[in-house]
Amino acid sequence: MLLFNEEELGVYAKHITTPAKIPHRWEFRHDHIGFNYRMPNISATLGCAQLENIEKYVASKRETAKAYEEFFKDIPEIDFFVEPENTRSNYWLNAVILKDKEAQQQFLQYTNDNGVMTRPIWELMNRLPMFEHCENDGLKNTIWFADRVVNIPSSVRPSDLPKA
């Protein structure tokens, strides 16, 4: 869903997401690189239903984050990501930072062996075969995070989901 305060920007966004086709009865000509990102009606309906519970879901995720923060606070080898000062995170994704790649792998092994699905941060694009030839600046900071960050369970608490 895209929302805009400026009508002109909204018109442009709609144009490139439908996918930059110049209106014509039979020709398919495009004036920009476009993207076919239109949302099917069923997805829009699900999105609207989710929005009805957004405050409850964010509160649930914030409660989970608070519990993680409390749990990890006395473990010096693990830093739990917290919201920066003067911000309000929805905690869509919770993550921890470990001291190095070895600690990251040990954490992943232990948690997954014990029924807690954790994952490393997403694979870096420059490490994927189709992008490994692309120029980059060495990605020092990005690699530092990739070798240390682990995403931990972040879903809305089951008790906060609507009853079927």
C-alpha atoms as a PDB file:
ATOM      1  CA  MET A   1       0.000   0.000   0.000  1.00  0.00           C
ATOM      2  CA  LEU A   2       1.314   3.402  -0.940  1.00  0.00           C
ATOM      3  CA  LEU A   3      -0.040   6.573   0.648  1.00  0.00           C
ATOM      4  CA  PHE A   4       0.953  10.083  -0.386  1.00  0.00           C
ATOM      5  CA  ASN A   5       0.397  13.641   0.802  1.00  0.00           C
ATOM      6  CA  GLU A   6       1.132  14.922  -2.714  1.00  0.00           C
ATOM      7  CA  GLU A   7      -1.327  13.994  -5.448  1.00  0.00           C
ATOM      8  CA  GLU A   8       1.275  14.310  -8.218  1.00  0.00           C
ATOM      9  CA  LEU A   9       3.575  11.829  -6.512  1.00  0.00           C
ATOM     10  CA  GLY A  10       0.661   9.421  -6.020  1.00  0.00           C
ATOM     11  CA  VAL A  11      -0.224   9.614  -9.724  1.00  0.00           C
ATOM     12  CA  TYR A  12       3.407   8.906 -10.661  1.00  0.00           C
ATOM     13  CA  ALA A  13       3.632   5.969  -8.236  1.00  0.00           C
ATOM     14  CA  LYS A  14       0.440   4.462  -9.661  1.00  0.00           C
ATOM     15  CA  HIS A  15       1.843   4.894 -13.173  1.00  0.00           C
ATOM     16  CA  ILE A  16       5.113   3.044 -12.542  1.00  0.00           C
ATOM     17  CA  THR A  17       3.408   0.286 -10.552  1.00  0.00           C
ATOM     18  CA  THR A  18       0.904  -0.511 -13.307  1.00  0.00           C
ATOM     19  CA  PRO A  19       3.716  -0.890 -15.019  1.00  0.00           C
ATOM     20  CA  ALA A  20       4.454   2.509 -16.623  1.00  0.00           C
ATOM     21  CA  LYS A  21       2.202   1.770 -19.601  1.00  0.00           C
ATOM     22  CA  ILE A  22       1.167   4.771 -21.656  1.00  0.00           C
ATOM     23  CA  PRO A  23      -2.649   4.691 -21.916  1.00  0.00           C
ATOM     24  CA  HIS A  24      -3.693   3.465 -25.360  1.00  0.00           C
ATOM     25  CA  ARG A  25      -6.468   1.223 -26.609  1.00  0.00           C
ATOM     26  CA  TRP A  26      -4.200  -1.443 -28.127  1.00  0.00           C
ATOM     27  CA  GLU A  27      -0.507  -0.509 -27.913  1.00  0.00           C
ATOM     28  CA  PHE A  28       1.712  -1.594 -25.068  1.00  0.00           C
ATOM     29  CA  ARG A  29       4.274   1.182 -24.809  1.00  0.00           C
ATOM     30  CA  HIS A  30       6.042   2.185 -21.638  1.00  0.00           C
ATOM     31  CA  ASP A  31       7.692   5.502 -20.802  1.00  0.00           C
ATOM     32  CA  HIS A  32       9.617   4.402 -17.657  1.00  0.00           C
ATOM     33  CA  ILE A  33      10.888   1.237 -16.090  1.00  0.00           C
ATOM     34  CA  GLY A  34       7.752  -0.065 -14.466  1.00  0.00           C
ATOM     35  CA  PHE A  35       6.848  -2.630 -11.851  1.00  0.00           C
ATOM     36  CA  ASN A  36       3.788  -4.855 -11.745  1.00  0.00           C
ATOM     37  CA  TYR A  37       3.174  -4.356  -8.033  1.00  0.00           C
ATOM     38  CA  ARG A  38      -0.589  -4.136  -8.070  1.00  0.00           C
ATOM     39  CA  MET A  39      -2.270  -5.709  -5.092  1.00  0.00           C
ATOM     40  CA  PRO A  40      -4.957  -8.313  -5.782  1.00  0.00           C
ATOM     41  CA  ASN A  41      -8.310  -7.628  -4.113  1.00  0.00           C
ATOM     42  CA  ILE A  42      -7.957 -10.592  -1.729  1.00  0.00           C
ATOM     43  CA  SER A  43      -4.608  -9.251  -0.483  1.00  0.00           C
ATOM     44  CA  ALA A  44      -6.087  -5.787  -0.007  1.00  0.00           C
ATOM     45  CA  THR A  45      -8.959  -7.304   1.982  1.00  0.00           C
ATOM     46  CA  LEU A  46      -6.528  -9.169   4.241  1.00  0.00           C
ATOM     47  CA  GLY A  47      -4.497  -5.982   4.677  1.00  0.00           C
ATOM     48  CA  CYS A  48      -7.589  -4.027   5.737  1.00  0.00           C
ATOM     49  CA  ALA A  49      -8.522  -6.753   8.216  1.00  0.00           C
ATOM     50  CA  GLN A  50      -5.011  -6.687   9.669  1.00  0.00           C
ATOM     51  CA  LEU A  51      -5.142  -2.898  10.023  1.00  0.00           C
ATOM     52  CA  GLU A  52      -8.203  -3.241  12.256  1.00  0.00           C
ATOM     53  CA  ASN A  53      -5.915  -4.941  14.799  1.00  0.00           C
ATOM     54  CA  ILE A  54      -2.711  -2.982  14.170  1.00  0.00           C
ATOM     55  CA  GLU A  55      -2.470  -1.341  17.592  1.00  0.00           C
ATOM     56  CA  LYS A  56      -3.029  -4.663  19.348  1.00  0.00           C
ATOM     57  CA  TYR A  57      -0.418  -6.364  17.146  1.00  0.00           C
ATOM     58  CA  VAL A  58       2.173  -3.633  17.679  1.00  0.00           C
ATOM     59  CA  ALA A  59       1.551  -3.753  21.439  1.00  0.00           C
ATOM     60  CA  SER A  60       2.050  -7.534  21.353  1.00  0.00           C
ATOM     61  CA  LYS A  61       5.325  -7.216  19.421  1.00  0.00           C
ATOM     62  CA  ARG A  62       6.542  -4.490  21.770  1.00  0.00           C
ATOM     63  CA  GLU A  63       5.735  -6.752  24.733  1.00  0.00           C
ATOM     64  CA  THR A  64       7.777  -9.533  23.134  1.00  0.00           C
ATOM     65  CA  ALA A  65      10.668  -7.123  22.560  1.00  0.00           C
ATOM     66  CA  LYS A  66      10.529  -6.001  26.198  1.00  0.00           C
ATOM     67  CA  ALA A  67      10.727  -9.647  27.304  1.00  0.00           C
ATOM     68  CA  TYR A  68      13.730 -10.216  25.018  1.00  0.00           C
ATOM     69  CA  GLU A  69      15.421  -7.068  26.292  1.00  0.00           C
ATOM     70  CA  GLU A  70      14.971  -8.263  29.871  1.00  0.00           C
ATOM     71  CA  PHE A  71      16.145 -11.811  29.030  1.00  0.00           C
ATOM     72  CA  PHE A  72      19.332 -10.706  27.232  1.00  0.00           C
ATOM     73  CA  LYS A  73      20.277  -7.779  29.494  1.00  0.00           C
ATOM     74  CA  ASP A  74      22.608  -9.831  31.724  1.00  0.00           C
ATOM     75  CA  ILE A  75      24.283 -11.756  28.888  1.00  0.00           C
ATOM     76  CA  PRO A  76      27.231  -9.564  27.867  1.00  0.00           C
ATOM     77  CA  GLU A  77      28.016 -11.631  24.742  1.00  0.00           C
ATOM     78  CA  ILE A  78      24.589 -10.862  23.239  1.00  0.00           C
ATOM     79  CA  ASP A  79      23.200  -7.420  22.405  1.00  0.00           C
ATOM     80  CA  PHE A  80      19.463  -7.220  21.740  1.00  0.00           C
ATOM     81  CA  PHE A  81      18.481  -4.554  19.192  1.00  0.00           C
ATOM     82  CA  VAL A  82      16.370  -1.920  20.898  1.00  0.00           C
ATOM     83  CA  GLU A  83      14.632   1.092  19.429  1.00  0.00           C
ATOM     84  CA  PRO A  84      16.782   4.209  19.230  1.00  0.00           C
ATOM     85  CA  GLU A  85      16.052   7.027  21.645  1.00  0.00           C
ATOM     86  CA  ASN A  86      13.146   9.289  20.605  1.00  0.00           C
ATOM     87  CA  THR A  87      11.635   6.630  18.327  1.00  0.00           C
ATOM     88  CA  ARG A  88       8.812   4.091  18.593  1.00  0.00           C
ATOM     89  CA  SER A  89       9.570   0.773  16.939  1.00  0.00           C
ATOM     90  CA  ASN A  90       6.897  -1.674  15.847  1.00  0.00           C
ATOM     91  CA  TYR A  91       9.472  -4.451  16.426  1.00  0.00           C
ATOM     92  CA  TRP A  92       8.466  -6.128  13.172  1.00  0.00           C
ATOM     93  CA  LEU A  93      11.725  -8.061  13.444  1.00  0.00           C
ATOM     94  CA  ASN A  94      13.706  -8.775  16.596  1.00  0.00           C
ATOM     95  CA  ALA A  95      17.410  -9.416  16.344  1.00  0.00           C
ATOM     96  CA  VAL A  96      20.519  -9.901  18.423  1.00  0.00           C
ATOM     97  CA  ILE A  97      24.160  -9.053  17.703  1.00  0.00           C
ATOM     98  CA  LEU A  98      26.834 -11.540  18.694  1.00  0.00           C
ATOM     99  CA  LYS A  99      30.583 -10.978  19.041  1.00  0.00           C
ATOM    100  CA  ASP A 100      31.678 -12.670  15.795  1.00  0.00           C
ATOM    101  CA  LYS A 101      30.804 -15.199  13.065  1.00  0.00           C
ATOM    102  CA  GLU A 102      31.691 -18.174  15.266  1.00  0.00           C
ATOM    103  CA  ALA A 103      29.380 -16.985  18.071  1.00  0.00           C
ATOM    104  CA  GLN A 104      26.652 -16.362  15.503  1.00  0.00           C
ATOM    105  CA  GLN A 105      26.938 -19.917  14.169  1.00  0.00           C
ATOM    106  CA  GLN A 106      26.967 -21.406  17.688  1.00  0.00           C
ATOM    107  CA  PHE A 107      23.856 -19.406  18.618  1.00  0.00           C
ATOM    108  CA  LEU A 108      22.068 -20.528  15.442  1.00  0.00           C
ATOM    109  CA  GLN A 109      23.035 -24.164  16.059  1.00  0.00           C
ATOM    110  CA  TYR A 110      21.943 -24.131  19.701  1.00  0.00           C
ATOM    111  CA  THR A 111      18.621 -22.359  19.207  1.00  0.00           C
ATOM    112  CA  ASN A 112      17.574 -24.381  16.174  1.00  0.00           C
ATOM    113  CA  ASP A 113      18.642 -27.659  17.840  1.00  0.00           C
ATOM    114  CA  ASN A 114      16.398 -26.721  20.767  1.00  0.00           C
ATOM    115  CA  GLY A 115      13.231 -25.883  18.853  1.00  0.00           C
ATOM    116  CA  VAL A 116      13.649 -22.116  18.455  1.00  0.00           C
ATOM    117  CA  MET A 117      13.841 -21.130  14.807  1.00  0.00           C
ATOM    118  CA  THR A 118      16.423 -18.405  14.397  1.00  0.00           C
ATOM    119  CA  ARG A 119      18.078 -17.238  11.216  1.00  0.00           C
ATOM    120  CA  PRO A 120      21.086 -15.183  10.235  1.00  0.00           C
ATOM    121  CA  ILE A 121      20.368 -11.761   8.843  1.00  0.00           C
ATOM    122  CA  TRP A 122      19.532 -11.943   5.138  1.00  0.00           C
ATOM    123  CA  GLU A 123      22.240 -13.021   2.730  1.00  0.00           C
ATOM    124  CA  LEU A 124      24.104 -10.069   1.287  1.00  0.00           C
ATOM    125  CA  MET A 125      23.109  -9.311  -2.298  1.00  0.00           C
ATOM    126  CA  ASN A 126      26.738  -9.185  -3.466  1.00  0.00           C
ATOM    127  CA  ARG A 127      27.154 -12.797  -2.300  1.00  0.00           C
ATOM    128  CA  LEU A 128      24.371 -14.064  -4.564  1.00  0.00           C
ATOM    129  CA  PRO A 129      25.568 -15.511  -7.884  1.00  0.00           C
ATOM    130  CA  MET A 130      23.680 -13.006 -10.038  1.00  0.00           C
ATOM    131  CA  PHE A 131      25.221 -10.007  -8.229  1.00  0.00           C
ATOM    132  CA  GLU A 132      28.677 -11.239  -7.209  1.00  0.00           C
ATOM    133  CA  HIS A 133      30.254  -9.408 -10.166  1.00  0.00           C
ATOM    134  CA  CYS A 134      28.720  -6.047  -9.165  1.00  0.00           C
ATOM    135  CA  GLU A 135      30.926  -3.260  -7.947  1.00  0.00           C
ATOM    136  CA  ASN A 136      30.838  -2.386  -4.252  1.00  0.00           C
ATOM    137  CA  ASP A 137      32.974  -0.499  -1.766  1.00  0.00           C
ATOM    138  CA  GLY A 138      34.035  -3.569   0.230  1.00  0.00           C
ATOM    139  CA  LEU A 139      30.929  -3.361   2.427  1.00  0.00           C
ATOM    140  CA  LYS A 140      32.964  -3.392   5.655  1.00  0.00           C
ATOM    141  CA  ASN A 141      30.058  -2.424   7.939  1.00  0.00           C
ATOM    142  CA  THR A 142      27.542  -4.586   6.093  1.00  0.00           C
ATOM    143  CA  ILE A 143      29.760  -7.656   6.400  1.00  0.00           C
ATOM    144  CA  TRP A 144      30.333  -6.887  10.092  1.00  0.00           C
ATOM    145  CA  PHE A 145      26.555  -7.081  10.656  1.00  0.00           C
ATOM    146  CA  ALA A 146      26.072 -10.118   8.404  1.00  0.00           C
ATOM    147  CA  ASP A 147      28.656 -12.034  10.447  1.00  0.00           C
ATOM    148  CA  ARG A 148      27.007 -11.201  13.792  1.00  0.00           C
ATOM    149  CA  VAL A 149      23.256 -10.553  13.530  1.00  0.00           C
ATOM    150  CA  VAL A 150      20.659 -13.241  14.170  1.00  0.00           C
ATOM    151  CA  ASN A 151      16.933 -12.717  13.660  1.00  0.00           C
ATOM    152  CA  ILE A 152      14.901 -14.234  16.497  1.00  0.00           C
ATOM    153  CA  PRO A 153      11.181 -15.115  16.637  1.00  0.00           C
ATOM    154  CA  SER A 154       9.103 -11.981  16.194  1.00  0.00           C
ATOM    155  CA  SER A 155       5.503 -12.976  15.497  1.00  0.00           C
ATOM    156  CA  VAL A 156       2.477 -11.557  17.267  1.00  0.00           C
ATOM    157  CA  ARG A 157       1.913 -13.593  20.426  1.00  0.00           C
ATOM    158  CA  PRO A 158      -0.665 -16.352  19.822  1.00  0.00           C
ATOM    159  CA  SER A 159      -2.777 -15.073  22.729  1.00  0.00           C
ATOM    160  CA  ASP A 160      -3.107 -11.727  20.891  1.00  0.00           C
ATOM    161  CA  LEU A 161      -4.429 -13.209  17.642  1.00  0.00           C
ATOM    162  CA  PRO A 162      -8.155 -13.202  16.908  1.00  0.00           C
ATOM    163  CA  LYS A 163      -9.973 -16.376  17.911  1.00  0.00           C
ATOM    164  CA  ALA A 164     -11.262 -18.350  14.933  1.00  0.00           C
END
